[in-house]
Amino acid sequence: MAIIYTEQRKKQKKLIFILVFLVLATFFVVWQGFFKGPSSKNKGTEASAFMFKKIEIDFKVLENPILKKLEDFTKILPFEQPKGRENPFLPY
């Protein structure tokens, strides 16, 4: 029985082209994102919009009667049941 390597070579050639395409696409994305950076037009507008944005917090939400009915559970009560066995790794 003869072993045919042509099918394997065809598959390998296809996979090599796919690999080269993925490497080039990855390089392009990295180049656009890291090395080129944002354009000079958007740098000033983004920074100024972020720096001068005023943040206001509305504390009236905390005056809701539903929120006032909530209980504070900061104190944790100890367990009422006894602890387990002294050595839990021993078989029964």
N, C-alpha and C. Protein backbone atom coordinates (compact mmCIF):
# COMPACT_ATOMS: atom_id res chain seq x y z
N MET A 1 0.84 -1.16 0.00
CA MET A 1 0.00 0.00 0.00
C MET A 1 0.90 1.24 0.00
N ALA A 2 0.65 2.13 -0.91
CA ALA A 2 1.46 3.33 -1.06
C ALA A 2 0.94 4.44 -0.16
N ILE A 3 1.85 5.19 0.40
CA ILE A 3 1.49 6.32 1.25
C ILE A 3 1.54 7.57 0.39
N ILE A 4 0.45 8.32 0.40
CA ILE A 4 0.36 9.52 -0.42
C ILE A 4 0.59 10.73 0.47
N TYR A 5 1.63 11.49 0.13
CA TYR A 5 1.98 12.67 0.90
C TYR A 5 1.45 13.96 0.28
N THR A 6 0.88 13.87 -0.89
CA THR A 6 0.42 15.10 -1.55
C THR A 6 -0.72 15.76 -0.79
N GLU A 7 -1.60 14.96 -0.23
CA GLU A 7 -2.71 15.54 0.54
C GLU A 7 -2.18 16.26 1.78
N GLN A 8 -1.20 15.67 2.43
CA GLN A 8 -0.62 16.30 3.61
C GLN A 8 0.08 17.60 3.23
N ARG A 9 0.77 17.61 2.11
CA ARG A 9 1.45 18.82 1.67
C ARG A 9 0.45 19.92 1.34
N LYS A 10 -0.67 19.55 0.71
CA LYS A 10 -1.70 20.54 0.39
C LYS A 10 -2.26 21.15 1.68
N LYS A 11 -2.51 20.30 2.65
CA LYS A 11 -3.03 20.80 3.93
C LYS A 11 -2.00 21.71 4.60
N GLN A 12 -0.73 21.31 4.56
CA GLN A 12 0.31 22.12 5.18
C GLN A 12 0.44 23.48 4.49
N LYS A 13 0.33 23.50 3.16
CA LYS A 13 0.41 24.77 2.45
C LYS A 13 -0.75 25.69 2.83
N LYS A 14 -1.95 25.12 2.93
CA LYS A 14 -3.10 25.91 3.34
C LYS A 14 -2.90 26.46 4.75
N LEU A 15 -2.41 25.60 5.65
CA LEU A 15 -2.20 26.04 7.02
C LEU A 15 -1.11 27.11 7.12
N ILE A 16 -0.09 27.01 6.27
CA ILE A 16 0.96 28.03 6.27
C ILE A 16 0.39 29.37 5.82
N PHE A 17 -0.44 29.36 4.77
CA PHE A 17 -1.05 30.62 4.32
C PHE A 17 -1.95 31.22 5.39
N ILE A 18 -2.70 30.38 6.07
CA ILE A 18 -3.57 30.86 7.15
C ILE A 18 -2.73 31.45 8.28
N LEU A 19 -1.65 30.76 8.64
CA LEU A 19 -0.77 31.25 9.70
C LEU A 19 -0.14 32.59 9.33
N VAL A 20 0.33 32.72 8.10
CA VAL A 20 0.92 33.98 7.66
C VAL A 20 -0.11 35.10 7.69
N PHE A 21 -1.34 34.80 7.25
CA PHE A 21 -2.40 35.81 7.29
C PHE A 21 -2.69 36.25 8.72
N LEU A 22 -2.79 35.30 9.65
CA LEU A 22 -3.06 35.64 11.04
C LEU A 22 -1.93 36.47 11.66
N VAL A 23 -0.69 36.13 11.33
CA VAL A 23 0.44 36.89 11.86
C VAL A 23 0.42 38.32 11.32
N LEU A 24 0.14 38.48 10.03
CA LEU A 24 0.07 39.81 9.44
C LEU A 24 -1.09 40.62 10.02
N ALA A 25 -2.23 39.99 10.20
CA ALA A 25 -3.38 40.69 10.77
C ALA A 25 -3.09 41.12 12.21
N THR A 26 -2.46 40.25 12.97
CA THR A 26 -2.10 40.59 14.35
C THR A 26 -1.09 41.73 14.38
N PHE A 27 -0.10 41.67 13.52
CA PHE A 27 0.88 42.75 13.44
C PHE A 27 0.22 44.07 13.08
N PHE A 28 -0.73 44.05 12.15
CA PHE A 28 -1.43 45.27 11.75
C PHE A 28 -2.23 45.85 12.92
N VAL A 29 -2.93 45.01 13.63
CA VAL A 29 -3.73 45.49 14.78
C VAL A 29 -2.82 46.08 15.86
N VAL A 30 -1.72 45.40 16.14
CA VAL A 30 -0.79 45.90 17.16
C VAL A 30 -0.18 47.22 16.69
N TRP A 31 0.16 47.31 15.43
CA TRP A 31 0.73 48.55 14.89
C TRP A 31 -0.25 49.71 15.02
N GLN A 32 -1.51 49.47 14.68
CA GLN A 32 -2.52 50.53 14.78
C GLN A 32 -2.78 50.92 16.23
N GLY A 33 -2.79 49.96 17.13
CA GLY A 33 -3.14 50.24 18.52
C GLY A 33 -2.03 50.84 19.34
N PHE A 34 -0.83 50.29 19.23
CA PHE A 34 0.23 50.70 20.13
C PHE A 34 1.19 51.72 19.52
N PHE A 35 1.63 51.45 18.33
CA PHE A 35 2.69 52.28 17.78
C PHE A 35 2.17 53.58 17.17
N LYS A 36 1.06 53.52 16.50
CA LYS A 36 0.52 54.75 15.90
C LYS A 36 -0.17 55.60 16.94
N GLY A 37 -0.94 54.98 17.82
CA GLY A 37 -1.65 55.72 18.86
C GLY A 37 -2.80 56.51 18.28
N PRO A 38 -3.52 57.26 19.12
CA PRO A 38 -4.63 58.06 18.61
C PRO A 38 -4.13 59.23 17.78
N SER A 39 -4.95 59.68 16.88
CA SER A 39 -4.55 60.79 16.02
C SER A 39 -4.46 62.07 16.83
N SER A 40 -3.75 63.06 16.30
CA SER A 40 -3.55 64.30 17.04
C SER A 40 -4.84 65.12 17.14
N LYS A 41 -5.80 64.88 16.26
CA LYS A 41 -7.07 65.61 16.32
C LYS A 41 -7.85 65.26 17.59
N ASN A 42 -7.86 63.99 17.94
CA ASN A 42 -8.68 63.53 19.06
C ASN A 42 -8.00 63.68 20.41
N LYS A 43 -6.71 63.87 20.44
CA LYS A 43 -6.01 63.95 21.73
C LYS A 43 -6.49 65.11 22.58
N GLY A 44 -6.60 66.28 22.01
CA GLY A 44 -7.00 67.46 22.77
C GLY A 44 -8.44 67.42 23.21
N THR A 45 -9.32 66.95 22.35
CA THR A 45 -10.74 66.95 22.69
C THR A 45 -11.06 65.91 23.74
N GLU A 46 -10.43 64.74 23.67
CA GLU A 46 -10.70 63.71 24.68
C GLU A 46 -10.20 64.13 26.04
N ALA A 47 -9.02 64.70 26.10
CA ALA A 47 -8.44 65.10 27.38
C ALA A 47 -9.24 66.25 28.01
N SER A 48 -9.61 67.24 27.21
CA SER A 48 -10.33 68.37 27.78
C SER A 48 -11.74 67.98 28.23
N ALA A 49 -12.38 67.07 27.50
CA ALA A 49 -13.72 66.64 27.89
C ALA A 49 -13.66 65.86 29.19
N PHE A 50 -12.61 65.09 29.40
CA PHE A 50 -12.51 64.30 30.62
C PHE A 50 -12.11 65.16 31.81
N MET A 51 -11.24 66.10 31.61
CA MET A 51 -10.73 66.90 32.72
C MET A 51 -11.78 67.84 33.29
N PHE A 52 -12.65 68.39 32.47
CA PHE A 52 -13.60 69.39 32.93
C PHE A 52 -14.99 68.83 33.18
N LYS A 53 -15.12 67.55 33.22
CA LYS A 53 -16.43 66.95 33.45
C LYS A 53 -16.72 66.98 34.95
N LYS A 54 -17.88 67.53 35.32
CA LYS A 54 -18.24 67.64 36.73
C LYS A 54 -19.08 66.43 37.12
N ILE A 55 -18.76 65.85 38.25
CA ILE A 55 -19.47 64.68 38.74
C ILE A 55 -20.35 65.10 39.90
N GLU A 56 -21.63 64.79 39.79
CA GLU A 56 -22.57 65.11 40.86
C GLU A 56 -23.20 63.82 41.37
N ILE A 57 -23.25 63.68 42.69
CA ILE A 57 -23.84 62.50 43.31
C ILE A 57 -25.16 62.90 43.95
N ASP A 58 -26.20 62.14 43.64
CA ASP A 58 -27.52 62.42 44.19
C ASP A 58 -27.74 61.53 45.42
N PHE A 59 -27.69 62.13 46.61
CA PHE A 59 -27.86 61.37 47.85
C PHE A 59 -29.32 61.20 48.23
N LYS A 60 -30.23 61.75 47.49
CA LYS A 60 -31.66 61.60 47.78
C LYS A 60 -32.11 60.15 47.60
N VAL A 61 -31.38 59.40 46.83
CA VAL A 61 -31.71 57.99 46.61
C VAL A 61 -31.61 57.22 47.93
N LEU A 62 -30.69 57.61 48.79
CA LEU A 62 -30.51 56.91 50.06
C LEU A 62 -31.62 57.19 51.06
N GLU A 63 -32.45 58.17 50.80
CA GLU A 63 -33.56 58.49 51.70
C GLU A 63 -34.81 57.68 51.39
N ASN A 64 -34.73 56.75 50.51
CA ASN A 64 -35.85 55.90 50.13
C ASN A 64 -36.30 55.07 51.35
N PRO A 65 -37.61 54.98 51.65
CA PRO A 65 -38.05 54.23 52.82
C PRO A 65 -37.74 52.72 52.73
N ILE A 66 -37.66 52.21 51.54
CA ILE A 66 -37.33 50.78 51.39
C ILE A 66 -35.90 50.54 51.88
N LEU A 67 -35.00 51.45 51.57
CA LEU A 67 -33.61 51.30 52.01
C LEU A 67 -33.47 51.48 53.51
N LYS A 68 -34.33 52.27 54.12
CA LYS A 68 -34.26 52.47 55.56
C LYS A 68 -34.74 51.25 56.34
N LYS A 69 -35.54 50.38 55.71
CA LYS A 69 -36.03 49.17 56.38
C LYS A 69 -34.97 48.07 56.42
N LEU A 70 -33.90 48.21 55.67
CA LEU A 70 -32.86 47.19 55.65
C LEU A 70 -32.16 47.11 57.00
N GLU A 71 -31.80 45.89 57.40
CA GLU A 71 -31.13 45.67 58.68
C GLU A 71 -29.62 45.60 58.47
N ASP A 72 -28.90 45.99 59.51
CA ASP A 72 -27.44 45.94 59.47
C ASP A 72 -26.98 44.62 60.07
N PHE A 73 -26.26 43.83 59.29
CA PHE A 73 -25.79 42.53 59.75
C PHE A 73 -24.26 42.53 59.89
N THR A 74 -23.71 43.58 60.44
CA THR A 74 -22.26 43.64 60.56
C THR A 74 -21.74 42.70 61.65
N LYS A 75 -22.53 42.43 62.69
CA LYS A 75 -22.11 41.51 63.73
C LYS A 75 -22.44 40.08 63.29
N ILE A 76 -21.42 39.23 63.25
CA ILE A 76 -21.60 37.84 62.83
C ILE A 76 -21.66 36.99 64.09
N LEU A 77 -22.75 36.25 64.22
CA LEU A 77 -22.93 35.40 65.39
C LEU A 77 -22.13 34.11 65.23
N PRO A 78 -21.62 33.55 66.34
CA PRO A 78 -20.87 32.29 66.25
C PRO A 78 -21.81 31.13 65.95
N PHE A 79 -21.23 30.03 65.46
CA PHE A 79 -22.03 28.85 65.16
C PHE A 79 -22.55 28.24 66.44
N GLU A 80 -23.81 27.77 66.41
CA GLU A 80 -24.42 27.17 67.59
C GLU A 80 -24.20 25.67 67.61
N GLN A 81 -23.91 25.08 66.49
CA GLN A 81 -23.71 23.64 66.43
C GLN A 81 -22.26 23.30 66.76
N PRO A 82 -22.03 22.09 67.30
CA PRO A 82 -20.65 21.72 67.64
C PRO A 82 -19.81 21.54 66.37
N LYS A 83 -18.51 21.65 66.55
CA LYS A 83 -17.59 21.48 65.43
C LYS A 83 -17.57 20.02 64.99
N GLY A 84 -16.95 19.76 63.88
CA GLY A 84 -16.85 18.41 63.33
C GLY A 84 -15.87 17.55 64.10
N ARG A 85 -15.41 16.51 63.46
CA ARG A 85 -14.49 15.58 64.12
C ARG A 85 -13.13 16.24 64.33
N GLU A 86 -12.35 15.66 65.26
CA GLU A 86 -11.04 16.21 65.52
C GLU A 86 -10.13 16.04 64.30
N ASN A 87 -10.16 14.86 63.69
CA ASN A 87 -9.37 14.62 62.48
C ASN A 87 -10.33 14.22 61.36
N PRO A 88 -10.71 15.13 60.50
CA PRO A 88 -11.70 14.82 59.48
C PRO A 88 -11.17 13.89 58.39
N PHE A 89 -9.89 13.64 58.36
CA PHE A 89 -9.33 12.80 57.30
C PHE A 89 -9.31 11.32 57.66
N LEU A 90 -9.64 10.98 58.91
CA LEU A 90 -9.73 9.57 59.26
C LEU A 90 -11.01 8.98 58.72
N PRO A 91 -10.97 7.72 58.20
CA PRO A 91 -12.21 7.12 57.70
C PRO A 91 -13.15 6.76 58.84
N TYR A 92 -14.41 6.61 58.54
CA TYR A 92 -15.41 6.26 59.57
C TYR A 92 -15.26 4.86 60.02
